[in-house]
């Protein structure tokens, strides 16, 4: 019984970290999206799969996970994916690129507060992580188009859970957070910046007068106003309205963002438990593939919080 309880505790803190880099922020001029699986147990084996392009198809997709049922377009692009080797729980294709050189990573689990979920709960058989790459990546022509297409699916079918989704193409990087049954926003990561998300609603201020760099669910402003959900008097901060600020956030989520920003901006001092860490930053140097790899595999290296380091027992367990 004790072993079972310990395993449940471990599964509950399994999670992901996502990192995005704009083309002018990267060393080689490419755009980057990335995501890891942060676990205390062995990571599930993956497969690399290339799905062929299709034309003239007449099929309906049914999710083995929650019975989401969606008629598929007749035509779809060739694309790659990296599903779990065990397909018993559904495709869970997770990420890939299509033949138009558009990338998607789905998903970063995110969690809304109970206040907003009371007014717009999740839809049991709505869109969930297991289906998101399958239903989006073969049908989009750009990163921006990915946000638009996924937003239409959420509008029609609802969302079964909170998810952060990354899209990139040769020019742009977008991050989209779907946080309730129908509410979402997305932001274009500036070309000269990077962004990190760690299982907490990350997006902050939204400029509703700038549709070139922000996208959002129809009616989201009215939803917030009608239900008196905005705690701020003078601005509209998505994280403040929809996000959480819990002990788990302080000890498990925000420190991962803090570590990435500490590595890329060591000149800036921040509190690893702060709920106000910025989502988007400009690094003090060009970001290499090796930098992204270092952050994705990090364990608070060279800090007192490193569980494999030389700090005191309290700090290493914090």
C-alpha atoms as a PDB file:
ATOM      1  CA  UNK A   1       0.000   0.000   0.000  1.00  0.00           C
ATOM      2  CA  UNK A   2       2.811   2.405   0.881  1.00  0.00           C
ATOM      3  CA  UNK A   3       4.449   1.778  -2.491  1.00  0.00           C
ATOM      4  CA  UNK A   4       1.147   2.517  -4.245  1.00  0.00           C
ATOM      5  CA  UNK A   5       0.733   5.799  -2.350  1.00  0.00           C
ATOM      6  CA  UNK A   6       4.292   6.822  -3.175  1.00  0.00           C
ATOM      7  CA  UNK A   7       3.690   6.074  -6.848  1.00  0.00           C
ATOM      8  CA  UNK A   8       0.520   8.190  -6.826  1.00  0.00           C
ATOM      9  CA  UNK A   9       2.457  11.069  -5.264  1.00  0.00           C
ATOM     10  CA  UNK A  10       5.087  10.774  -7.947  1.00  0.00           C
ATOM     11  CA  UNK A  11       2.594  10.667 -10.796  1.00  0.00           C
ATOM     12  CA  UNK A  12       0.863  13.759  -9.474  1.00  0.00           C
ATOM     13  CA  UNK A  13       4.018  15.830  -9.882  1.00  0.00           C
ATOM     14  CA  UNK A  14       4.894  14.501 -13.319  1.00  0.00           C
ATOM     15  CA  UNK A  15       4.835  17.416 -15.707  1.00  0.00           C
ATOM     16  CA  UNK A  16       6.466  19.269 -18.595  1.00  0.00           C
ATOM     17  CA  UNK A  17       8.545  22.354 -19.243  1.00  0.00           C
ATOM     18  CA  UNK A  18       8.223  24.272 -22.531  1.00  0.00           C
ATOM     19  CA  UNK A  19      10.656  26.726 -24.077  1.00  0.00           C
ATOM     20  CA  UNK A  20      10.306  28.880 -27.194  1.00  0.00           C
ATOM     21  CA  UNK A  21      12.915  30.996 -28.986  1.00  0.00           C
ATOM     22  CA  UNK A  22      12.370  33.636 -31.672  1.00  0.00           C
ATOM     23  CA  UNK A  23      14.462  33.731 -34.846  1.00  0.00           C
ATOM     24  CA  UNK A  24      16.462  36.833 -33.856  1.00  0.00           C
ATOM     25  CA  UNK A  25      17.111  35.423 -30.385  1.00  0.00           C
ATOM     26  CA  UNK A  26      18.620  32.166 -31.634  1.00  0.00           C
ATOM     27  CA  UNK A  27      22.244  31.676 -32.593  1.00  0.00           C
ATOM     28  CA  UNK A  28      21.454  30.187 -36.005  1.00  0.00           C
ATOM     29  CA  UNK A  29      18.446  32.355 -36.898  1.00  0.00           C
ATOM     30  CA  UNK A  30      15.932  29.518 -36.599  1.00  0.00           C
ATOM     31  CA  UNK A  31      12.738  29.512 -34.557  1.00  0.00           C
ATOM     32  CA  UNK A  32      12.512  26.911 -31.791  1.00  0.00           C
ATOM     33  CA  UNK A  33       9.811  25.205 -29.771  1.00  0.00           C
ATOM     34  CA  UNK A  34      10.681  22.525 -27.208  1.00  0.00           C
ATOM     35  CA  UNK A  35       9.122  20.523 -24.397  1.00  0.00           C
ATOM     36  CA  UNK A  36      10.304  17.828 -22.005  1.00  0.00           C
ATOM     37  CA  UNK A  37       8.616  15.301 -19.750  1.00  0.00           C
ATOM     38  CA  UNK A  38       9.567  15.996 -16.152  1.00  0.00           C
ATOM     39  CA  UNK A  39       9.123  12.755 -14.223  1.00  0.00           C
ATOM     40  CA  UNK A  40      10.388  10.882 -11.194  1.00  0.00           C
ATOM     41  CA  UNK A  41       9.735   7.593 -12.982  1.00  0.00           C
ATOM     42  CA  UNK A  42      11.115   6.327 -16.279  1.00  0.00           C
ATOM     43  CA  UNK A  43       9.908   8.273 -19.316  1.00  0.00           C
ATOM     44  CA  UNK A  44       7.626   6.270 -21.572  1.00  0.00           C
ATOM     45  CA  UNK A  45       9.344   4.928 -24.715  1.00  0.00           C
ATOM     46  CA  UNK A  46       8.570   6.971 -27.839  1.00  0.00           C
ATOM     47  CA  UNK A  47       8.341   6.237 -31.539  1.00  0.00           C
ATOM     48  CA  UNK A  48       9.182   8.547 -34.440  1.00  0.00           C
ATOM     49  CA  UNK A  49       6.402   8.277 -37.003  1.00  0.00           C
ATOM     50  CA  UNK A  50       5.897   9.832 -40.435  1.00  0.00           C
ATOM     51  CA  UNK A  51       2.235  10.051 -41.397  1.00  0.00           C
ATOM     52  CA  UNK A  52       1.589  10.226 -45.168  1.00  0.00           C
ATOM     53  CA  UNK A  53      -0.387  12.980 -46.831  1.00  0.00           C
ATOM     54  CA  UNK A  54      -4.014  12.067 -47.551  1.00  0.00           C
ATOM     55  CA  UNK A  55      -6.557  13.119 -50.172  1.00  0.00           C
ATOM     56  CA  UNK A  56     -10.162  12.125 -50.733  1.00  0.00           C
ATOM     57  CA  UNK A  57     -10.530  10.750 -47.225  1.00  0.00           C
ATOM     58  CA  UNK A  58     -13.950  10.308 -45.651  1.00  0.00           C
ATOM     59  CA  UNK A  59     -13.299   9.379 -42.040  1.00  0.00           C
ATOM     60  CA  UNK A  60     -14.336  10.379 -38.540  1.00  0.00           C
ATOM     61  CA  UNK A  61     -11.823  10.558 -35.705  1.00  0.00           C
ATOM     62  CA  UNK A  62     -12.910   9.104 -32.355  1.00  0.00           C
ATOM     63  CA  UNK A  63     -10.659   9.553 -29.331  1.00  0.00           C
ATOM     64  CA  UNK A  64     -10.035   6.349 -27.342  1.00  0.00           C
ATOM     65  CA  UNK A  65      -9.448   8.589 -24.317  1.00  0.00           C
ATOM     66  CA  UNK A  66     -12.751  10.458 -24.040  1.00  0.00           C
ATOM     67  CA  UNK A  67     -14.794   9.632 -27.152  1.00  0.00           C
ATOM     68  CA  UNK A  68     -14.296  13.040 -28.778  1.00  0.00           C
ATOM     69  CA  UNK A  69     -15.753  12.624 -32.266  1.00  0.00           C
ATOM     70  CA  UNK A  70     -14.576  14.863 -35.119  1.00  0.00           C
ATOM     71  CA  UNK A  71     -15.106  14.459 -38.892  1.00  0.00           C
ATOM     72  CA  UNK A  72     -11.693  14.724 -40.558  1.00  0.00           C
ATOM     73  CA  UNK A  73     -10.977  16.966 -43.558  1.00  0.00           C
ATOM     74  CA  UNK A  74     -10.705  15.103 -46.841  1.00  0.00           C
ATOM     75  CA  UNK A  75      -7.105  16.242 -47.363  1.00  0.00           C
ATOM     76  CA  UNK A  76      -4.184  16.500 -44.950  1.00  0.00           C
ATOM     77  CA  UNK A  77      -0.460  17.236 -45.162  1.00  0.00           C
ATOM     78  CA  UNK A  78       2.334  14.758 -44.527  1.00  0.00           C
ATOM     79  CA  UNK A  79       3.625  15.169 -40.964  1.00  0.00           C
ATOM     80  CA  UNK A  80       5.816  13.652 -38.276  1.00  0.00           C
ATOM     81  CA  UNK A  81       4.953  12.755 -34.690  1.00  0.00           C
ATOM     82  CA  UNK A  82       6.480  11.138 -31.591  1.00  0.00           C
ATOM     83  CA  UNK A  83       3.734   9.121 -29.877  1.00  0.00           C
ATOM     84  CA  UNK A  84       4.199   6.750 -26.968  1.00  0.00           C
ATOM     85  CA  UNK A  85       5.211   3.277 -28.096  1.00  0.00           C
ATOM     86  CA  UNK A  86       2.158   1.964 -26.239  1.00  0.00           C
ATOM     87  CA  UNK A  87      -0.872   3.145 -28.216  1.00  0.00           C
ATOM     88  CA  UNK A  88      -3.545   1.588 -25.985  1.00  0.00           C
ATOM     89  CA  UNK A  89      -4.598   4.990 -24.598  1.00  0.00           C
ATOM     90  CA  UNK A  90      -4.893   6.630 -28.007  1.00  0.00           C
ATOM     91  CA  UNK A  91      -2.538   8.248 -30.511  1.00  0.00           C
ATOM     92  CA  UNK A  92      -1.013  10.905 -28.228  1.00  0.00           C
ATOM     93  CA  UNK A  93       1.101  12.097 -31.147  1.00  0.00           C
ATOM     94  CA  UNK A  94       2.446  14.963 -29.007  1.00  0.00           C
ATOM     95  CA  UNK A  95       4.522  16.938 -31.515  1.00  0.00           C
ATOM     96  CA  UNK A  96       5.908  17.125 -35.016  1.00  0.00           C
ATOM     97  CA  UNK A  97       6.341  19.083 -38.236  1.00  0.00           C
ATOM     98  CA  UNK A  98       4.219  18.998 -41.355  1.00  0.00           C
ATOM     99  CA  UNK A  99       5.308  19.289 -44.977  1.00  0.00           C
ATOM    100  CA  UNK A 100       4.724  23.067 -44.872  1.00  0.00           C
ATOM    101  CA  UNK A 101       7.486  23.275 -42.235  1.00  0.00           C
ATOM    102  CA  UNK A 102       5.025  24.127 -39.468  1.00  0.00           C
ATOM    103  CA  UNK A 103       5.731  22.677 -36.023  1.00  0.00           C
ATOM    104  CA  UNK A 104       3.415  21.923 -33.113  1.00  0.00           C
ATOM    105  CA  UNK A 105       4.059  20.713 -29.565  1.00  0.00           C
ATOM    106  CA  UNK A 106       1.003  19.618 -27.610  1.00  0.00           C
ATOM    107  CA  UNK A 107       0.740  19.937 -24.747  1.00  0.00           C
ATOM    108  CA  UNK A 108       1.994  21.757 -21.663  1.00  0.00           C
ATOM    109  CA  UNK A 109      -0.573  21.011 -18.944  1.00  0.00           C
ATOM    110  CA  UNK A 110      -1.854  24.221 -17.340  1.00  0.00           C
ATOM    111  CA  UNK A 111      -4.360  24.792 -14.556  1.00  0.00           C
ATOM    112  CA  UNK A 112      -7.017  27.460 -14.143  1.00  0.00           C
ATOM    113  CA  UNK A 113      -8.449  28.565 -10.814  1.00  0.00           C
ATOM    114  CA  UNK A 114     -11.763  27.223  -9.547  1.00  0.00           C
ATOM    115  CA  UNK A 115     -13.407  30.623  -9.839  1.00  0.00           C
ATOM    116  CA  UNK A 116     -13.187  30.773 -13.636  1.00  0.00           C
ATOM    117  CA  UNK A 117     -13.860  27.065 -14.066  1.00  0.00           C
ATOM    118  CA  UNK A 118     -17.130  27.461 -12.168  1.00  0.00           C
ATOM    119  CA  UNK A 119     -18.412  29.667 -15.004  1.00  0.00           C
ATOM    120  CA  UNK A 120     -16.893  27.690 -17.889  1.00  0.00           C
ATOM    121  CA  UNK A 121     -16.129  24.097 -16.854  1.00  0.00           C
ATOM    122  CA  UNK A 122     -14.247  21.631 -19.000  1.00  0.00           C
ATOM    123  CA  UNK A 123     -16.185  19.505 -21.487  1.00  0.00           C
ATOM    124  CA  UNK A 124     -15.870  15.796 -20.686  1.00  0.00           C
ATOM    125  CA  UNK A 125     -15.613  14.702 -24.309  1.00  0.00           C
ATOM    126  CA  UNK A 126     -13.949  17.879 -25.563  1.00  0.00           C
ATOM    127  CA  UNK A 127     -10.529  18.344 -27.115  1.00  0.00           C
ATOM    128  CA  UNK A 128      -7.702  16.878 -25.012  1.00  0.00           C
ATOM    129  CA  UNK A 129      -3.962  16.364 -25.341  1.00  0.00           C
ATOM    130  CA  UNK A 130      -4.300  12.901 -26.848  1.00  0.00           C
ATOM    131  CA  UNK A 131      -5.965  14.295 -29.991  1.00  0.00           C
ATOM    132  CA  UNK A 132      -4.460  17.733 -30.412  1.00  0.00           C
ATOM    133  CA  UNK A 133      -1.610  17.017 -32.813  1.00  0.00           C
ATOM    134  CA  UNK A 134      -3.663  14.537 -34.838  1.00  0.00           C
ATOM    135  CA  UNK A 135      -6.503  17.009 -35.346  1.00  0.00           C
ATOM    136  CA  UNK A 136      -4.405  20.112 -36.036  1.00  0.00           C
ATOM    137  CA  UNK A 137      -0.918  19.581 -37.473  1.00  0.00           C
ATOM    138  CA  UNK A 138      -1.913  17.969 -40.816  1.00  0.00           C
ATOM    139  CA  UNK A 139      -4.236  20.861 -41.654  1.00  0.00           C
ATOM    140  CA  UNK A 140      -2.309  24.099 -40.987  1.00  0.00           C
ATOM    141  CA  UNK A 141      -0.091  26.299 -43.167  1.00  0.00           C
ATOM    142  CA  UNK A 142       1.641  28.498 -40.569  1.00  0.00           C
ATOM    143  CA  UNK A 143       2.121  28.918 -36.829  1.00  0.00           C
ATOM    144  CA  UNK A 144      -0.516  31.632 -36.758  1.00  0.00           C
ATOM    145  CA  UNK A 145      -2.870  29.375 -38.716  1.00  0.00           C
ATOM    146  CA  UNK A 146      -2.319  26.698 -36.063  1.00  0.00           C
ATOM    147  CA  UNK A 147      -3.668  28.986 -33.349  1.00  0.00           C
ATOM    148  CA  UNK A 148      -6.638  29.954 -35.504  1.00  0.00           C
ATOM    149  CA  UNK A 149      -7.456  26.346 -36.453  1.00  0.00           C
ATOM    150  CA  UNK A 150      -7.153  25.027 -32.897  1.00  0.00           C
ATOM    151  CA  UNK A 151      -9.231  27.939 -31.616  1.00  0.00           C
ATOM    152  CA  UNK A 152     -12.042  26.963 -33.981  1.00  0.00           C
ATOM    153  CA  UNK A 153     -11.938  23.375 -32.709  1.00  0.00           C
ATOM    154  CA  UNK A 154     -12.154  24.571 -29.093  1.00  0.00           C
ATOM    155  CA  UNK A 155     -15.074  26.821 -30.011  1.00  0.00           C
ATOM    156  CA  UNK A 156     -16.940  23.922 -31.631  1.00  0.00           C
ATOM    157  CA  UNK A 157     -16.076  20.993 -29.350  1.00  0.00           C
ATOM    158  CA  UNK A 158     -14.870  22.601 -26.123  1.00  0.00           C
ATOM    159  CA  UNK A 159     -11.772  21.629 -24.165  1.00  0.00           C
ATOM    160  CA  UNK A 160     -11.503  18.675 -21.799  1.00  0.00           C
ATOM    161  CA  UNK A 161      -8.524  20.062 -19.886  1.00  0.00           C
ATOM    162  CA  UNK A 162      -6.080  22.955 -19.573  1.00  0.00           C
ATOM    163  CA  UNK A 163      -3.346  22.929 -22.201  1.00  0.00           C
ATOM    164  CA  UNK A 164      -0.520  25.109 -23.489  1.00  0.00           C
ATOM    165  CA  UNK A 165       0.317  24.555 -27.158  1.00  0.00           C
ATOM    166  CA  UNK A 166       3.367  25.747 -29.105  1.00  0.00           C
ATOM    167  CA  UNK A 167       3.468  26.466 -32.835  1.00  0.00           C
ATOM    168  CA  UNK A 168       6.353  27.595 -35.026  1.00  0.00           C
ATOM    169  CA  UNK A 169       7.244  28.115 -38.656  1.00  0.00           C
ATOM    170  CA  UNK A 170      10.274  29.685 -40.319  1.00  0.00           C
ATOM    171  CA  UNK A 171       9.294  33.178 -39.169  1.00  0.00           C
ATOM    172  CA  UNK A 172       7.042  33.056 -36.102  1.00  0.00           C
ATOM    173  CA  UNK A 173       6.583  31.329 -32.757  1.00  0.00           C
ATOM    174  CA  UNK A 174       3.186  31.293 -31.032  1.00  0.00           C
ATOM    175  CA  UNK A 175       2.105  30.030 -27.607  1.00  0.00           C
ATOM    176  CA  UNK A 176      -1.570  29.311 -26.930  1.00  0.00           C
ATOM    177  CA  UNK A 177      -3.136  28.598 -23.527  1.00  0.00           C
ATOM    178  CA  UNK A 178      -6.533  26.875 -23.402  1.00  0.00           C
ATOM    179  CA  UNK A 179      -7.614  27.180 -19.785  1.00  0.00           C
ATOM    180  CA  UNK A 180     -11.347  26.454 -19.427  1.00  0.00           C
ATOM    181  CA  UNK A 181     -14.020  24.761 -21.500  1.00  0.00           C
ATOM    182  CA  UNK A 182     -13.924  27.507 -24.140  1.00  0.00           C
ATOM    183  CA  UNK A 183     -11.571  30.324 -23.078  1.00  0.00           C
ATOM    184  CA  UNK A 184      -8.078  30.753 -24.507  1.00  0.00           C
ATOM    185  CA  UNK A 185      -5.501  33.327 -25.545  1.00  0.00           C
ATOM    186  CA  UNK A 186      -2.319  33.169 -27.612  1.00  0.00           C
ATOM    187  CA  UNK A 187       0.724  35.388 -27.957  1.00  0.00           C
ATOM    188  CA  UNK A 188       3.381  35.678 -30.647  1.00  0.00           C
ATOM    189  CA  UNK A 189       6.809  35.384 -29.055  1.00  0.00           C
ATOM    190  CA  UNK A 190       8.827  38.440 -30.208  1.00  0.00           C
ATOM    191  CA  UNK A 191      11.582  37.555 -32.666  1.00  0.00           C
ATOM    192  CA  UNK A 192      14.342  38.707 -30.292  1.00  0.00           C
ATOM    193  CA  UNK A 193      12.982  36.976 -27.176  1.00  0.00           C
ATOM    194  CA  UNK A 194      12.509  33.605 -25.509  1.00  0.00           C
ATOM    195  CA  UNK A 195       9.704  32.278 -23.316  1.00  0.00           C
ATOM    196  CA  UNK A 196       9.420  29.489 -20.742  1.00  0.00           C
ATOM    197  CA  UNK A 197       6.278  27.828 -19.351  1.00  0.00           C
ATOM    198  CA  UNK A 198       6.136  25.256 -16.558  1.00  0.00           C
ATOM    199  CA  UNK A 199       2.648  23.864 -15.861  1.00  0.00           C
ATOM    200  CA  UNK A 200       1.288  27.199 -14.755  1.00  0.00           C
ATOM    201  CA  UNK A 201      -0.682  29.719 -16.789  1.00  0.00           C
ATOM    202  CA  UNK A 202       2.130  31.849 -18.164  1.00  0.00           C
ATOM    203  CA  UNK A 203       0.706  34.486 -20.505  1.00  0.00           C
ATOM    204  CA  UNK A 204       0.311  37.884 -18.869  1.00  0.00           C
ATOM    205  CA  UNK A 205      -1.005  41.142 -20.379  1.00  0.00           C
ATOM    206  CA  UNK A 206      -3.098  40.913 -23.559  1.00  0.00           C
ATOM    207  CA  UNK A 207      -3.349  43.836 -25.992  1.00  0.00           C
ATOM    208  CA  UNK A 208      -6.763  43.465 -27.601  1.00  0.00           C
ATOM    209  CA  UNK A 209      -5.849  46.248 -30.043  1.00  0.00           C
ATOM    210  CA  UNK A 210      -2.969  44.216 -31.493  1.00  0.00           C
ATOM    211  CA  UNK A 211      -4.338  41.173 -33.353  1.00  0.00           C
ATOM    212  CA  UNK A 212      -1.021  40.759 -35.174  1.00  0.00           C
ATOM    213  CA  UNK A 213       0.645  39.633 -31.954  1.00  0.00           C
ATOM    214  CA  UNK A 214      -2.255  38.379 -29.836  1.00  0.00           C
ATOM    215  CA  UNK A 215      -5.218  36.087 -30.484  1.00  0.00           C
ATOM    216  CA  UNK A 216      -8.071  35.147 -28.167  1.00  0.00           C
ATOM    217  CA  UNK A 217     -11.361  33.306 -27.853  1.00  0.00           C
ATOM    218  CA  UNK A 218     -14.442  35.138 -29.071  1.00  0.00           C
ATOM    219  CA  UNK A 219     -16.147  36.876 -26.158  1.00  0.00           C
ATOM    220  CA  UNK A 220     -13.394  36.384 -23.591  1.00  0.00           C
ATOM    221  CA  UNK A 221     -13.480  40.032 -22.490  1.00  0.00           C
ATOM    222  CA  UNK A 222     -17.237  39.887 -21.923  1.00  0.00           C
ATOM    223  CA  UNK A 223     -16.840  36.578 -20.076  1.00  0.00           C
ATOM    224  CA  UNK A 224     -14.391  38.167 -17.644  1.00  0.00           C
ATOM    225  CA  UNK A 225     -16.433  41.348 -17.231  1.00  0.00           C
ATOM    226  CA  UNK A 226     -19.823  39.653 -16.838  1.00  0.00           C
ATOM    227  CA  UNK A 227     -18.552  37.374 -14.069  1.00  0.00           C
ATOM    228  CA  UNK A 228     -16.361  39.976 -12.302  1.00  0.00           C
ATOM    229  CA  UNK A 229     -13.215  37.890 -12.703  1.00  0.00           C
ATOM    230  CA  UNK A 230     -10.508  40.533 -13.150  1.00  0.00           C
ATOM    231  CA  UNK A 231      -8.724  41.267  -9.836  1.00  0.00           C
ATOM    232  CA  UNK A 232      -6.798  44.206 -11.341  1.00  0.00           C
ATOM    233  CA  UNK A 233      -8.346  47.656 -11.657  1.00  0.00           C
ATOM    234  CA  UNK A 234      -6.172  49.068 -14.430  1.00  0.00           C
ATOM    235  CA  UNK A 235      -5.111  46.252 -16.764  1.00  0.00           C
ATOM    236  CA  UNK A 236      -6.033  42.846 -18.181  1.00  0.00           C
ATOM    237  CA  UNK A 237      -3.557  40.176 -17.052  1.00  0.00           C
ATOM    238  CA  UNK A 238      -4.503  36.690 -18.258  1.00  0.00           C
ATOM    239  CA  UNK A 239      -2.397  34.984 -15.588  1.00  0.00           C
ATOM    240  CA  UNK A 240      -3.998  36.994 -12.792  1.00  0.00           C
ATOM    241  CA  UNK A 241      -7.533  36.344 -14.052  1.00  0.00           C
ATOM    242  CA  UNK A 242      -7.349  32.666 -14.971  1.00  0.00           C
ATOM    243  CA  UNK A 243      -4.243  31.334 -13.222  1.00  0.00           C
ATOM    244  CA  UNK A 244      -3.372  29.809  -9.881  1.00  0.00           C
ATOM    245  CA  UNK A 245      -0.950  30.902  -7.170  1.00  0.00           C
ATOM    246  CA  UNK A 246      -0.534  27.854  -4.943  1.00  0.00           C
ATOM    247  CA  UNK A 247       2.120  26.185  -2.842  1.00  0.00           C
ATOM    248  CA  UNK A 248       2.644  23.659  -5.646  1.00  0.00           C
ATOM    249  CA  UNK A 249       3.214  26.529  -8.077  1.00  0.00           C
ATOM    250  CA  UNK A 250       5.810  28.097  -5.783  1.00  0.00           C
ATOM    251  CA  UNK A 251       7.753  24.915  -5.148  1.00  0.00           C
ATOM    252  CA  UNK A 252       7.416  23.012  -8.404  1.00  0.00           C
ATOM    253  CA  UNK A 253       6.388  25.293 -11.266  1.00  0.00           C
ATOM    254  CA  UNK A 254       7.827  28.790 -10.907  1.00  0.00           C
ATOM    255  CA  UNK A 255      11.333  27.545  -9.928  1.00  0.00           C
ATOM    256  CA  UNK A 256      11.694  25.883 -13.344  1.00  0.00           C
ATOM    257  CA  UNK A 257      10.993  29.204 -15.060  1.00  0.00           C
ATOM    258  CA  UNK A 258      13.354  30.921 -12.619  1.00  0.00           C
ATOM    259  CA  UNK A 259      16.166  28.501 -13.451  1.00  0.00           C
ATOM    260  CA  UNK A 260      15.841  29.019 -17.203  1.00  0.00           C
ATOM    261  CA  UNK A 261      15.808  32.795 -16.816  1.00  0.00           C
ATOM    262  CA  UNK A 262      18.706  32.654 -14.356  1.00  0.00           C
ATOM    263  CA  UNK A 263      20.725  30.750 -16.955  1.00  0.00           C
ATOM    264  CA  UNK A 264      19.937  33.094 -19.857  1.00  0.00           C
ATOM    265  CA  UNK A 265      19.822  36.311 -17.812  1.00  0.00           C
ATOM    266  CA  UNK A 266      22.194  35.789 -14.857  1.00  0.00           C
ATOM    267  CA  UNK A 267      22.408  39.549 -14.358  1.00  0.00           C
ATOM    268  CA  UNK A 268      18.763  39.649 -13.168  1.00  0.00           C
ATOM    269  CA  UNK A 269      18.005  38.580  -9.591  1.00  0.00           C
ATOM    270  CA  UNK A 270      14.587  36.992  -9.037  1.00  0.00           C
ATOM    271  CA  UNK A 271      12.762  34.976  -6.399  1.00  0.00           C
ATOM    272  CA  UNK A 272      12.281  31.354  -7.555  1.00  0.00           C
ATOM    273  CA  UNK A 273       8.888  31.277  -5.822  1.00  0.00           C
ATOM    274  CA  UNK A 274       7.589  34.519  -7.333  1.00  0.00           C
ATOM    275  CA  UNK A 275       4.205  34.432  -9.065  1.00  0.00           C
ATOM    276  CA  UNK A 276       5.251  37.431 -11.182  1.00  0.00           C
ATOM    277  CA  UNK A 277       8.158  35.997 -13.138  1.00  0.00           C
ATOM    278  CA  UNK A 278       7.824  37.333 -16.688  1.00  0.00           C
ATOM    279  CA  UNK A 279       6.754  34.868 -19.361  1.00  0.00           C
ATOM    280  CA  UNK A 280       8.824  36.516 -22.103  1.00  0.00           C
ATOM    281  CA  UNK A 281      12.403  37.772 -21.752  1.00  0.00           C
ATOM    282  CA  UNK A 282      15.276  38.930 -23.962  1.00  0.00           C
ATOM    283  CA  UNK A 283      18.420  36.895 -23.255  1.00  0.00           C
ATOM    284  CA  UNK A 284      21.788  38.559 -22.687  1.00  0.00           C
ATOM    285  CA  UNK A 285      23.249  36.511 -25.568  1.00  0.00           C
ATOM    286  CA  UNK A 286      22.173  34.488 -28.585  1.00  0.00           C
ATOM    287  CA  UNK A 287      20.541  31.186 -27.598  1.00  0.00           C
ATOM    288  CA  UNK A 288      22.023  27.971 -29.000  1.00  0.00           C
ATOM    289  CA  UNK A 289      20.531  24.508 -29.383  1.00  0.00           C
ATOM    290  CA  UNK A 290      22.861  23.441 -26.577  1.00  0.00           C
ATOM    291  CA  UNK A 291      21.378  26.122 -24.303  1.00  0.00           C
ATOM    292  CA  UNK A 292      17.892  24.762 -24.924  1.00  0.00           C
ATOM    293  CA  UNK A 293      19.087  21.213 -24.263  1.00  0.00           C
ATOM    294  CA  UNK A 294      20.740  22.306 -21.009  1.00  0.00           C
ATOM    295  CA  UNK A 295      17.548  23.937 -19.760  1.00  0.00           C
ATOM    296  CA  UNK A 296      15.352  21.024 -20.825  1.00  0.00           C
ATOM    297  CA  UNK A 297      17.458  18.473 -18.925  1.00  0.00           C
ATOM    298  CA  UNK A 298      18.319  20.666 -15.938  1.00  0.00           C
ATOM    299  CA  UNK A 299      17.841  19.799 -12.280  1.00  0.00           C
ATOM    300  CA  UNK A 300      18.643  23.251 -10.855  1.00  0.00           C
ATOM    301  CA  UNK A 301      22.290  22.635 -11.706  1.00  0.00           C
ATOM    302  CA  UNK A 302      24.855  24.663  -9.760  1.00  0.00           C
ATOM    303  CA  UNK A 303      22.280  26.088  -7.377  1.00  0.00           C
ATOM    304  CA  UNK A 304      21.615  25.193  -3.772  1.00  0.00           C
ATOM    305  CA  UNK A 305      18.360  23.544  -4.891  1.00  0.00           C
ATOM    306  CA  UNK A 306      20.104  20.891  -7.007  1.00  0.00           C
ATOM    307  CA  UNK A 307      18.968  17.519  -5.541  1.00  0.00           C
ATOM    308  CA  UNK A 308      22.244  16.045  -6.810  1.00  0.00           C
ATOM    309  CA  UNK A 309      24.328  18.948  -5.528  1.00  0.00           C
ATOM    310  CA  UNK A 310      26.052  19.932  -2.306  1.00  0.00           C
ATOM    311  CA  UNK A 311      23.455  22.179  -0.673  1.00  0.00           C
ATOM    312  CA  UNK A 312      21.933  21.398   2.699  1.00  0.00           C
ATOM    313  CA  UNK A 313      19.200  18.774   2.909  1.00  0.00           C
ATOM    314  CA  UNK A 314      16.375  21.327   3.229  1.00  0.00           C
ATOM    315  CA  UNK A 315      17.359  23.256   0.103  1.00  0.00           C
ATOM    316  CA  UNK A 316      17.936  20.131  -1.975  1.00  0.00           C
ATOM    317  CA  UNK A 317      14.431  18.888  -1.123  1.00  0.00           C
ATOM    318  CA  UNK A 318      12.768  22.271  -1.651  1.00  0.00           C
END
